[in-house]
Protein backbone atom coordinates (compact mmCIF):
# COMPACT_ATOMS: atom_id res chain seq x y z
CA MET A 1 10.13 10.21 161.80
CA GLU A 2 11.52 6.74 161.46
CA ALA A 3 13.30 6.83 164.81
CA GLY A 4 9.99 6.33 166.63
CA LYS A 5 9.31 3.16 164.66
CA LYS A 6 12.55 1.41 165.58
CA PRO A 7 12.30 -1.27 168.25
CA MET A 8 13.79 -0.60 171.67
CA HIS A 9 15.73 -3.35 173.41
CA GLU A 10 15.97 -3.31 177.21
CA ILE A 11 18.99 -5.07 178.68
CA LYS A 12 19.21 -5.64 182.43
CA GLY A 13 22.48 -5.40 184.34
CA ALA A 14 22.15 -8.96 185.57
CA ASP A 15 22.13 -10.16 181.94
CA LEU A 16 25.53 -8.51 181.48
CA GLY A 17 26.92 -9.78 184.77
CA ILE A 18 27.00 -6.36 186.43
CA ASP A 19 26.21 -5.97 190.13
CA PHE A 20 24.64 -2.63 191.00
CA ILE A 21 25.79 -2.31 194.60
CA PRO A 22 26.27 1.32 195.68
CA VAL A 23 29.81 2.05 196.84
CA ASN A 24 29.16 5.57 198.14
CA GLN A 25 26.14 6.98 199.85
CA ILE A 26 24.95 10.55 199.43
CA ARG A 27 24.16 12.10 202.81
CA ALA A 28 23.02 15.54 201.69
CA LEU A 29 22.90 17.77 198.65
CA LYS A 30 23.46 21.47 199.20
CA GLY A 31 23.56 24.14 196.55
CA PHE A 32 26.15 26.89 196.42
CA VAL A 33 24.73 30.26 197.40
CA MET A 34 26.27 33.16 195.51
CA ASN A 35 25.89 36.56 197.09
CA ARG A 36 26.32 39.53 194.81
CA LYS A 37 27.84 42.76 196.05
CA ASN A 38 25.87 45.03 193.67
CA ILE A 39 28.61 47.63 193.48
CA ILE A 40 27.61 50.69 191.46
CA LEU A 41 30.46 52.56 189.79
CA ASN A 42 30.32 56.33 189.49
CA GLN A 43 29.44 57.68 186.08
CA GLY A 44 32.50 59.43 184.79
CA SER A 45 35.21 58.94 182.25
CA ALA A 46 35.95 55.42 181.13
CA ALA A 47 39.45 55.53 182.62
CA ASP A 48 38.09 56.49 186.05
CA GLU A 49 35.49 53.72 185.91
CA VAL A 50 38.14 51.14 185.00
CA LYS A 51 40.33 52.26 187.91
CA GLU A 52 37.37 52.08 190.30
CA LEU A 53 36.40 48.62 189.00
CA ALA A 54 39.97 47.34 189.38
CA ALA A 55 40.13 48.71 192.94
CA ALA A 56 36.83 47.02 193.84
CA LEU A 57 38.01 43.70 192.40
CA ARG A 58 41.32 43.94 194.29
CA LYS A 59 39.41 44.67 197.50
CA GLU A 60 37.33 41.51 197.01
CA GLY A 61 40.43 39.45 196.23
CA VAL A 62 39.49 38.69 192.63
CA LEU A 63 42.59 40.39 191.20
């Protein structure tokens, strides 16, 4: 646990000659809302389920 014993040095931007003037301003933050379709595939053979899944993905424009 020697990392906690090491001294920490704080350097300010003015000491390095850096001006912290914001160039851009953030007006708003909005999260992306993801809506799920909750499509339930019929229980059948695997080949039929794959065909139904592919058709559903084509309908949504994924494939």
